[in-house]
Amino acid sequence: MMKTAILASLLGSAAAFAPVQNSASKVTSALNAEKSPAVPFLPYPENLKGYVGDDIGFDPLRVSDYFPMDYLRESELKHGRICMMAIVGYITVDLGVV
């Protein structure tokens, strides 16, 4: 009796790892969508195709779905330039020039 129970549990666990036969029709879902290389568990943002971030597809908050990419690129440049001026101002005050 004990040997039969052990044999049944071994066969049952081996069957759990056996390949499953796929049906003729495939179901398309969000799980089958192209994945982003930057964040592999998220789908690839379609609005990034053709822009600088196209190669890795980093947009985890999906901001590109709500704003045009031209606006996002322009605002990124503007905020980067403001940050550069802020660092120069901080260093100037820290050195006692002003």
N, C-alpha and C. Protein backbone atom coordinates (compact mmCIF):
# COMPACT_ATOMS: atom_id res chain seq x y z
N MET A 1 0.82 -1.20 0.00
CA MET A 1 0.00 0.00 0.00
C MET A 1 0.87 1.27 0.00
N MET A 2 1.90 1.28 0.83
CA MET A 2 2.79 2.44 0.93
C MET A 2 3.57 2.65 -0.37
N LYS A 3 4.00 1.56 -0.99
CA LYS A 3 4.74 1.66 -2.24
C LYS A 3 3.85 2.20 -3.36
N THR A 4 2.59 1.82 -3.35
CA THR A 4 1.66 2.31 -4.36
C THR A 4 1.42 3.81 -4.19
N ALA A 5 1.32 4.28 -2.96
CA ALA A 5 1.10 5.70 -2.69
C ALA A 5 2.33 6.51 -3.12
N ILE A 6 3.52 6.01 -2.85
CA ILE A 6 4.74 6.70 -3.26
C ILE A 6 4.85 6.74 -4.77
N LEU A 7 4.55 5.62 -5.43
CA LEU A 7 4.61 5.57 -6.88
C LEU A 7 3.59 6.53 -7.51
N ALA A 8 2.40 6.61 -6.95
CA ALA A 8 1.37 7.51 -7.47
C ALA A 8 1.78 8.97 -7.29
N SER A 9 2.40 9.29 -6.15
CA SER A 9 2.82 10.69 -5.93
C SER A 9 3.98 11.06 -6.85
N LEU A 10 4.89 10.13 -7.14
CA LEU A 10 5.99 10.40 -8.06
C LEU A 10 5.48 10.61 -9.48
N LEU A 11 4.55 9.79 -9.91
CA LEU A 11 3.99 9.94 -11.25
C LEU A 11 3.17 11.22 -11.37
N GLY A 12 2.47 11.57 -10.31
CA GLY A 12 1.68 12.80 -10.32
C GLY A 12 2.57 14.04 -10.39
N SER A 13 3.69 14.03 -9.65
CA SER A 13 4.58 15.18 -9.70
C SER A 13 5.32 15.26 -11.02
N ALA A 14 5.61 14.14 -11.64
CA ALA A 14 6.26 14.15 -12.96
C ALA A 14 5.30 14.66 -14.02
N ALA A 15 4.02 14.37 -13.88
CA ALA A 15 3.03 14.84 -14.85
C ALA A 15 2.84 16.35 -14.76
N ALA A 16 3.15 16.93 -13.61
CA ALA A 16 3.00 18.38 -13.46
C ALA A 16 4.00 19.14 -14.31
N PHE A 17 5.15 18.52 -14.63
CA PHE A 17 6.18 19.18 -15.42
C PHE A 17 6.19 18.75 -16.88
N ALA A 18 5.22 17.94 -17.27
CA ALA A 18 5.14 17.49 -18.66
C ALA A 18 4.62 18.63 -19.53
N PRO A 19 5.07 18.73 -20.80
CA PRO A 19 4.57 19.80 -21.68
C PRO A 19 3.09 19.62 -21.98
N VAL A 20 2.41 20.75 -22.08
CA VAL A 20 0.98 20.75 -22.33
C VAL A 20 0.74 20.87 -23.82
N GLN A 21 -0.21 20.14 -24.33
CA GLN A 21 -0.57 20.22 -25.74
C GLN A 21 -1.34 21.51 -25.98
N ASN A 22 -0.86 22.34 -26.91
CA ASN A 22 -1.54 23.59 -27.23
C ASN A 22 -2.67 23.32 -28.21
N SER A 23 -3.73 24.08 -28.07
CA SER A 23 -4.85 23.94 -29.00
C SER A 23 -4.49 24.62 -30.32
N ALA A 24 -5.29 24.40 -31.34
CA ALA A 24 -5.01 24.94 -32.67
C ALA A 24 -5.09 26.46 -32.70
N SER A 25 -5.99 27.05 -31.93
CA SER A 25 -6.13 28.51 -31.93
C SER A 25 -5.42 29.08 -30.71
N LYS A 26 -4.63 30.12 -30.96
CA LYS A 26 -3.94 30.79 -29.87
C LYS A 26 -4.76 31.98 -29.41
N VAL A 27 -4.81 32.18 -28.12
CA VAL A 27 -5.52 33.31 -27.56
C VAL A 27 -4.53 34.45 -27.39
N THR A 28 -4.86 35.61 -27.93
CA THR A 28 -4.02 36.79 -27.80
C THR A 28 -4.46 37.58 -26.58
N SER A 29 -3.51 37.89 -25.74
CA SER A 29 -3.83 38.67 -24.54
C SER A 29 -2.68 39.62 -24.25
N ALA A 30 -2.81 40.36 -23.17
CA ALA A 30 -1.76 41.29 -22.78
C ALA A 30 -0.50 40.54 -22.36
N LEU A 31 -0.65 39.28 -21.96
CA LEU A 31 0.52 38.51 -21.57
C LEU A 31 1.37 38.14 -22.77
N ASN A 32 0.78 38.10 -23.96
CA ASN A 32 1.52 37.75 -25.17
C ASN A 32 2.10 38.99 -25.87
N ALA A 33 1.87 40.17 -25.34
CA ALA A 33 2.33 41.40 -25.98
C ALA A 33 3.86 41.51 -25.89
N GLU A 34 4.43 42.34 -26.75
CA GLU A 34 5.88 42.57 -26.75
C GLU A 34 6.27 43.23 -25.43
N LYS A 35 7.28 42.71 -24.78
CA LYS A 35 7.72 43.21 -23.48
C LYS A 35 8.83 44.26 -23.63
N SER A 36 8.86 45.18 -22.71
CA SER A 36 9.88 46.23 -22.70
C SER A 36 11.20 45.65 -22.20
N PRO A 37 12.32 45.89 -22.89
CA PRO A 37 13.61 45.40 -22.39
C PRO A 37 14.03 46.06 -21.08
N ALA A 38 13.61 47.30 -20.84
CA ALA A 38 14.00 48.00 -19.62
C ALA A 38 13.25 47.48 -18.41
N VAL A 39 11.96 47.22 -18.57
CA VAL A 39 11.12 46.72 -17.49
C VAL A 39 10.40 45.49 -18.05
N PRO A 40 11.01 44.29 -17.92
CA PRO A 40 10.52 43.11 -18.65
C PRO A 40 9.12 42.64 -18.28
N PHE A 41 8.58 43.05 -17.15
CA PHE A 41 7.25 42.59 -16.76
C PHE A 41 6.15 43.52 -17.25
N LEU A 42 6.50 44.60 -17.96
CA LEU A 42 5.52 45.53 -18.52
C LEU A 42 5.51 45.45 -20.04
N PRO A 43 4.37 45.71 -20.66
CA PRO A 43 4.34 45.72 -22.13
C PRO A 43 5.13 46.90 -22.69
N TYR A 44 5.59 46.74 -23.93
CA TYR A 44 6.38 47.78 -24.59
C TYR A 44 5.49 48.98 -24.90
N PRO A 45 5.88 50.21 -24.50
CA PRO A 45 5.08 51.39 -24.80
C PRO A 45 5.10 51.71 -26.30
N GLU A 46 3.98 51.64 -26.94
CA GLU A 46 3.90 51.83 -28.39
C GLU A 46 4.27 53.24 -28.83
N ASN A 47 4.04 54.24 -27.99
CA ASN A 47 4.32 55.63 -28.37
C ASN A 47 5.81 55.95 -28.40
N LEU A 48 6.66 55.07 -27.88
CA LEU A 48 8.09 55.33 -27.87
C LEU A 48 8.78 54.90 -29.15
N LYS A 49 8.10 54.21 -30.01
CA LYS A 49 8.72 53.74 -31.25
C LYS A 49 9.09 54.95 -32.12
N GLY A 50 10.36 55.00 -32.55
CA GLY A 50 10.83 56.10 -33.38
C GLY A 50 11.45 57.24 -32.61
N TYR A 51 11.51 57.16 -31.29
CA TYR A 51 12.11 58.22 -30.48
C TYR A 51 13.39 57.69 -29.83
N VAL A 52 14.07 58.54 -29.10
CA VAL A 52 15.36 58.19 -28.52
C VAL A 52 15.24 57.01 -27.56
N GLY A 53 14.19 56.94 -26.79
CA GLY A 53 14.02 55.84 -25.85
C GLY A 53 13.48 54.57 -26.48
N ASP A 54 13.45 54.52 -27.80
CA ASP A 54 12.86 53.38 -28.50
C ASP A 54 13.62 52.08 -28.25
N ASP A 55 14.94 52.16 -28.09
CA ASP A 55 15.72 50.94 -28.00
C ASP A 55 15.45 50.15 -26.73
N ILE A 56 15.16 50.81 -25.60
CA ILE A 56 14.91 50.07 -24.37
C ILE A 56 13.46 50.19 -23.88
N GLY A 57 12.72 51.17 -24.33
CA GLY A 57 11.30 51.28 -23.98
C GLY A 57 11.05 51.55 -22.51
N PHE A 58 11.76 52.50 -21.92
CA PHE A 58 11.57 52.80 -20.50
C PHE A 58 10.50 53.86 -20.33
N ASP A 59 9.32 53.44 -19.96
CA ASP A 59 8.21 54.33 -19.61
C ASP A 59 7.29 53.57 -18.65
N PRO A 60 7.76 53.31 -17.41
CA PRO A 60 6.99 52.46 -16.50
C PRO A 60 5.66 53.08 -16.06
N LEU A 61 5.54 54.41 -16.04
CA LEU A 61 4.29 55.04 -15.62
C LEU A 61 3.34 55.29 -16.78
N ARG A 62 3.76 54.94 -18.00
CA ARG A 62 2.96 55.10 -19.22
C ARG A 62 2.56 56.55 -19.44
N VAL A 63 3.48 57.49 -19.17
CA VAL A 63 3.23 58.91 -19.36
C VAL A 63 3.02 59.21 -20.83
N SER A 64 3.68 58.46 -21.70
CA SER A 64 3.58 58.71 -23.14
C SER A 64 2.19 58.40 -23.69
N ASP A 65 1.36 57.73 -22.91
CA ASP A 65 -0.03 57.49 -23.35
C ASP A 65 -0.90 58.74 -23.17
N TYR A 66 -0.49 59.64 -22.28
CA TYR A 66 -1.33 60.79 -21.94
C TYR A 66 -0.85 62.11 -22.53
N PHE A 67 0.45 62.20 -22.88
CA PHE A 67 1.00 63.42 -23.44
C PHE A 67 1.72 63.10 -24.75
N PRO A 68 1.76 64.05 -25.69
CA PRO A 68 2.50 63.81 -26.93
C PRO A 68 4.00 63.73 -26.65
N MET A 69 4.69 62.89 -27.41
CA MET A 69 6.12 62.69 -27.19
C MET A 69 6.93 63.96 -27.45
N ASP A 70 6.49 64.80 -28.38
CA ASP A 70 7.22 66.05 -28.64
C ASP A 70 7.20 66.95 -27.41
N TYR A 71 6.06 67.03 -26.74
CA TYR A 71 5.94 67.82 -25.51
C TYR A 71 6.83 67.24 -24.41
N LEU A 72 6.87 65.93 -24.28
CA LEU A 72 7.67 65.29 -23.24
C LEU A 72 9.16 65.52 -23.47
N ARG A 73 9.60 65.44 -24.72
CA ARG A 73 11.01 65.68 -25.03
C ARG A 73 11.39 67.13 -24.74
N GLU A 74 10.52 68.07 -25.13
CA GLU A 74 10.80 69.49 -24.90
C GLU A 74 10.86 69.81 -23.41
N SER A 75 9.93 69.25 -22.63
CA SER A 75 9.92 69.53 -21.20
C SER A 75 11.12 68.88 -20.50
N GLU A 76 11.58 67.74 -21.00
CA GLU A 76 12.77 67.11 -20.41
C GLU A 76 14.01 67.98 -20.65
N LEU A 77 14.15 68.53 -21.84
CA LEU A 77 15.27 69.43 -22.12
C LEU A 77 15.21 70.68 -21.25
N LYS A 78 14.00 71.26 -21.13
CA LYS A 78 13.84 72.48 -20.35
C LYS A 78 14.18 72.24 -18.87
N HIS A 79 13.68 71.14 -18.31
CA HIS A 79 13.95 70.87 -16.90
C HIS A 79 15.41 70.52 -16.67
N GLY A 80 16.06 69.88 -17.64
CA GLY A 80 17.49 69.60 -17.50
C GLY A 80 18.31 70.87 -17.48
N ARG A 81 17.95 71.84 -18.33
CA ARG A 81 18.67 73.11 -18.36
C ARG A 81 18.46 73.91 -17.08
N ILE A 82 17.25 73.88 -16.54
CA ILE A 82 16.98 74.57 -15.27
C ILE A 82 17.80 73.95 -14.15
N CYS A 83 17.93 72.63 -14.16
CA CYS A 83 18.73 71.95 -13.13
C CYS A 83 20.21 72.33 -13.24
N MET A 84 20.71 72.46 -14.47
CA MET A 84 22.11 72.87 -14.64
C MET A 84 22.34 74.27 -14.11
N MET A 85 21.39 75.19 -14.35
CA MET A 85 21.53 76.55 -13.82
C MET A 85 21.41 76.56 -12.30
N ALA A 86 20.58 75.71 -11.74
CA ALA A 86 20.43 75.65 -10.28
C ALA A 86 21.71 75.16 -9.62
N ILE A 87 22.40 74.20 -10.23
CA ILE A 87 23.66 73.71 -9.67
C ILE A 87 24.72 74.80 -9.69
N VAL A 88 24.79 75.54 -10.80
CA VAL A 88 25.76 76.65 -10.89
C VAL A 88 25.44 77.70 -9.82
N GLY A 89 24.17 78.01 -9.61
CA GLY A 89 23.79 78.97 -8.57
C GLY A 89 24.12 78.47 -7.17
N TYR A 90 23.92 77.19 -6.92
CA TYR A 90 24.25 76.62 -5.60
C TYR A 90 25.74 76.71 -5.34
N ILE A 91 26.53 76.35 -6.35
CA ILE A 91 27.99 76.39 -6.18
C ILE A 91 28.47 77.82 -6.00
N THR A 92 27.89 78.78 -6.72
CA THR A 92 28.25 80.19 -6.60
C THR A 92 28.00 80.71 -5.19
N VAL A 93 26.83 80.38 -4.64
CA VAL A 93 26.51 80.83 -3.28
C VAL A 93 27.39 80.11 -2.27
N ASP A 94 27.66 78.86 -2.47
CA ASP A 94 28.49 78.09 -1.54
C ASP A 94 29.93 78.60 -1.50
N LEU A 95 30.43 79.09 -2.64
CA LEU A 95 31.79 79.63 -2.67
C LEU A 95 31.86 81.06 -2.14
N GLY A 96 30.72 81.68 -1.92
CA GLY A 96 30.69 83.04 -1.36
C GLY A 96 30.86 84.13 -2.40
N VAL A 97 30.64 83.82 -3.66
CA VAL A 97 30.77 84.84 -4.70
C VAL A 97 29.66 85.87 -4.58
N VAL A 98 28.50 85.44 -4.21
CA VAL A 98 27.36 86.36 -4.11
C VAL A 98 27.07 86.65 -2.66
